[in-house]
Amino acid sequence: MLFFLTANVSAILLLVFWNVIWKDYCIDKARFELFSLRSEIFIKAAKKEIEFNSELYEELENNINSAIRYAHKISVFEIMLGSFLFKVFGAKLEMKTFNPDKLSEAEKIVYFSYKDGIDNIIITYIINTHAFVTMALTPFVMVEVFKGMFRVRRDDRTIQSLKNNQYTKKIANDVEICAREHALA
């Protein structure tokens, strides 16, 4: 009886933690990162690296402001539904759409780097706040972690066997230095 009571209380506390504390924290974190991106773009414009009245600046600012405003509503379902509706009805809607092909090469680099930043923040938020996505991705992440652990062990054993051979000692040291530099990068 005590076990069931403890299990129920634990489940309730977990739900409260997940829905109240964790989700609010993730929303605040995502919004903070989006505000930081918006500040970076503003600073670039203030330094005249981007024009304030350019289509690039307006598009990035609109994307970030929309993400900030609707961060609490972003979900996998909303993204899938929005993508579907845009593909079906997008051509029929008379909307002003942004075309990055019109930008100069330097502006394209700026646009895509900030667009990737926005997308990464939103994807991280979705993964962190949606239990289904988190549970679905956990096995894949664990497999990659274990693969990495075994790969490191195998590399260490290979380097040790090379070091034991006098002829290849210098090469083994060079390989070890390269492997460590690659692991740090």
Protein backbone atom coordinates (compact mmCIF):
# COMPACT_ATOMS: atom_id res chain seq x y z
CA MET A 1 0.00 0.00 0.00
CA LEU A 2 2.80 2.38 0.90
CA PHE A 3 4.51 1.60 -2.42
CA PHE A 4 1.43 2.64 -4.43
CA LEU A 5 1.03 5.82 -2.41
CA THR A 6 4.71 6.69 -2.91
CA ALA A 7 4.50 5.89 -6.63
CA ASN A 8 1.42 8.10 -7.06
CA VAL A 9 2.97 11.00 -5.18
CA SER A 10 6.18 10.62 -7.22
CA ALA A 11 4.20 10.60 -10.48
CA ILE A 12 2.27 13.71 -9.45
CA LEU A 13 5.46 15.51 -8.44
CA LEU A 14 7.08 14.52 -11.74
CA LEU A 15 4.12 15.87 -13.71
CA VAL A 16 4.17 19.12 -11.72
CA PHE A 17 7.90 19.46 -12.25
CA TRP A 18 7.60 18.73 -15.99
CA ASN A 19 4.59 20.92 -16.73
CA VAL A 20 5.25 23.83 -14.40
CA ILE A 21 8.93 24.20 -13.61
CA TRP A 22 10.72 22.55 -16.56
CA LYS A 23 8.52 23.88 -19.38
CA ASP A 24 8.59 27.42 -17.97
CA TYR A 25 12.36 27.24 -17.66
CA CYS A 26 12.69 26.05 -21.26
CA ILE A 27 10.39 28.80 -22.55
CA ASP A 28 12.38 31.43 -20.64
CA LYS A 29 15.68 30.01 -21.89
CA ALA A 30 14.50 29.92 -25.52
CA ARG A 31 13.18 33.48 -25.30
CA PHE A 32 16.42 34.68 -23.69
CA GLU A 33 18.46 33.13 -26.52
CA LEU A 34 16.12 34.67 -29.11
CA PHE A 35 16.43 38.09 -27.45
CA SER A 36 20.22 37.66 -27.59
CA LEU A 37 20.06 36.89 -31.31
CA ARG A 38 17.85 39.91 -31.89
CA SER A 39 20.33 42.08 -30.00
CA GLU A 40 23.20 40.77 -32.13
CA ILE A 41 21.30 41.64 -35.29
CA PHE A 42 20.53 45.11 -33.95
CA ILE A 43 24.21 45.65 -33.11
CA LYS A 44 25.18 44.57 -36.64
CA ALA A 45 22.73 47.10 -38.01
CA ALA A 46 23.99 49.80 -35.65
CA LYS A 47 27.53 49.13 -36.89
CA LYS A 48 26.23 49.51 -40.47
CA GLU A 49 27.01 45.86 -41.32
CA ILE A 50 23.31 45.51 -42.19
CA GLU A 51 20.90 48.27 -43.16
CA PHE A 52 18.01 48.86 -40.74
CA ASN A 53 15.54 49.28 -43.59
CA SER A 54 16.79 46.29 -45.59
CA GLU A 55 14.61 43.31 -46.34
CA LEU A 56 17.17 41.08 -44.60
CA TYR A 57 16.94 42.97 -41.29
CA GLU A 58 13.14 43.08 -41.42
CA GLU A 59 12.87 39.35 -42.16
CA LEU A 60 15.22 38.30 -39.37
CA GLU A 61 13.60 40.64 -36.87
CA ASN A 62 10.10 39.43 -37.81
CA ASN A 63 11.15 35.77 -37.51
CA ILE A 64 12.72 36.33 -34.10
CA ASN A 65 9.84 38.46 -32.81
CA SER A 66 7.33 35.79 -33.90
CA ALA A 67 9.35 33.07 -32.20
CA ILE A 68 9.59 35.13 -29.00
CA ARG A 69 5.89 35.92 -28.99
CA TYR A 70 4.67 32.40 -29.73
CA ALA A 71 7.39 30.35 -27.99
CA HIS A 72 4.88 28.93 -25.51
CA LYS A 73 2.70 27.62 -28.37
CA ILE A 74 5.41 26.03 -30.51
CA SER A 75 5.00 22.27 -30.80
CA VAL A 76 5.76 19.50 -33.26
CA PHE A 77 2.09 19.41 -34.25
CA GLU A 78 1.95 23.18 -34.84
CA ILE A 79 5.05 23.07 -37.04
CA MET A 80 3.77 20.13 -39.07
CA LEU A 81 0.33 21.71 -39.45
CA GLY A 82 1.79 25.07 -40.43
CA SER A 83 4.10 23.48 -43.02
CA PHE A 84 1.22 21.50 -44.50
CA LEU A 85 -1.13 24.48 -44.66
CA PHE A 86 1.55 26.68 -46.21
CA LYS A 87 2.25 24.07 -48.90
CA VAL A 88 -1.44 23.63 -49.66
CA PHE A 89 -2.66 27.23 -49.39
CA GLY A 90 0.57 29.24 -49.56
CA ALA A 91 0.35 29.89 -53.29
CA LYS A 92 -3.28 31.00 -52.97
CA LEU A 93 -2.52 33.47 -50.22
CA GLU A 94 -1.29 36.82 -51.40
CA MET A 95 1.51 37.10 -48.88
CA LYS A 96 4.75 38.92 -49.15
CA THR A 97 7.31 36.13 -49.08
CA PHE A 98 10.98 36.60 -48.47
CA ASN A 99 13.33 35.34 -51.16
CA PRO A 100 16.93 34.92 -49.94
CA ASP A 101 18.10 34.51 -53.55
CA LYS A 102 17.81 38.28 -53.98
CA LEU A 103 20.44 38.88 -51.30
CA SER A 104 24.13 39.47 -51.90
CA GLU A 105 26.54 36.70 -50.91
CA ALA A 106 27.51 38.49 -47.67
CA GLU A 107 23.85 39.01 -46.78
CA LYS A 108 23.07 35.34 -47.52
CA ILE A 109 25.77 34.27 -45.07
CA VAL A 110 24.31 36.54 -42.39
CA TYR A 111 20.74 35.46 -43.13
CA PHE A 112 21.39 31.71 -43.08
CA SER A 113 23.61 31.86 -39.99
CA TYR A 114 20.92 33.68 -38.00
CA LYS A 115 18.13 31.57 -39.51
CA ASP A 116 20.03 28.44 -38.43
CA GLY A 117 20.42 29.97 -34.96
CA ILE A 118 16.68 30.58 -34.70
CA ASP A 119 15.91 27.05 -35.91
CA ASN A 120 18.39 25.50 -33.45
CA ILE A 121 16.82 27.38 -30.53
CA ILE A 122 13.32 26.26 -31.53
CA ILE A 123 14.35 22.64 -32.12
CA THR A 124 16.15 22.54 -28.77
CA TYR A 125 13.05 23.95 -27.09
CA ILE A 126 10.79 21.35 -28.72
CA ILE A 127 13.09 18.47 -27.77
CA ASN A 128 13.38 19.68 -24.18
CA THR A 129 9.70 20.37 -23.56
CA HIS A 130 7.82 17.66 -25.38
CA ALA A 131 7.98 14.39 -23.52
CA PHE A 132 7.04 12.30 -26.54
CA VAL A 133 9.87 13.75 -28.66
CA THR A 134 12.32 13.34 -25.78
CA MET A 135 11.31 9.72 -25.21
CA ALA A 136 11.40 8.97 -28.95
CA LEU A 137 14.91 10.40 -29.35
CA THR A 138 16.41 8.91 -26.18
CA PRO A 139 17.21 5.47 -27.67
CA PHE A 140 18.96 7.04 -30.67
CA VAL A 141 20.99 9.37 -28.46
CA MET A 142 21.99 6.49 -26.17
CA VAL A 143 23.11 4.39 -29.15
CA GLU A 144 25.30 7.25 -30.40
CA VAL A 145 26.75 7.77 -26.91
CA PHE A 146 27.64 4.09 -26.60
CA LYS A 147 29.10 4.05 -30.10
CA GLY A 148 31.29 7.00 -29.15
CA MET A 149 32.39 5.31 -25.91
CA PHE A 150 33.37 2.10 -27.69
CA ARG A 151 35.07 4.05 -30.48
CA VAL A 152 37.24 5.86 -27.93
CA ARG A 153 38.16 2.58 -26.22
CA ARG A 154 39.01 0.96 -29.54
CA ASP A 155 41.15 3.97 -30.56
CA ASP A 156 43.00 3.86 -27.22
CA ARG A 157 43.74 0.14 -27.63
CA THR A 158 45.02 0.71 -31.18
CA ILE A 159 47.31 3.51 -30.01
CA GLN A 160 48.64 1.34 -27.15
CA SER A 161 49.43 -1.54 -29.49
CA LEU A 162 51.26 0.84 -31.82
CA LYS A 163 53.27 2.26 -28.90
CA ASN A 164 54.43 -1.21 -27.87
CA ASN A 165 56.17 -1.63 -31.21
CA GLN A 166 59.51 0.29 -31.20
CA TYR A 167 59.40 0.91 -34.95
CA THR A 168 56.04 2.68 -34.86
CA LYS A 169 56.49 4.55 -31.58
CA LYS A 170 56.92 7.97 -33.23
CA ILE A 171 53.98 7.38 -35.58
CA ALA A 172 51.82 6.26 -32.64
CA ASN A 173 52.64 9.44 -30.76
CA ASP A 174 51.73 11.52 -33.82
CA VAL A 175 48.47 9.59 -34.21
CA GLU A 176 47.69 10.10 -30.53
CA ILE A 177 48.30 13.85 -30.79
CA CYS A 178 46.06 14.07 -33.86
CA ALA A 179 43.35 11.98 -32.18
CA ARG A 180 43.38 14.18 -29.07
CA GLU A 181 43.27 17.37 -31.19
CA HIS A 182 40.38 15.93 -33.17
CA ALA A 183 38.54 14.99 -29.96
CA LEU A 184 38.98 18.52 -28.61
CA ALA A 185 37.76 20.15 -31.83
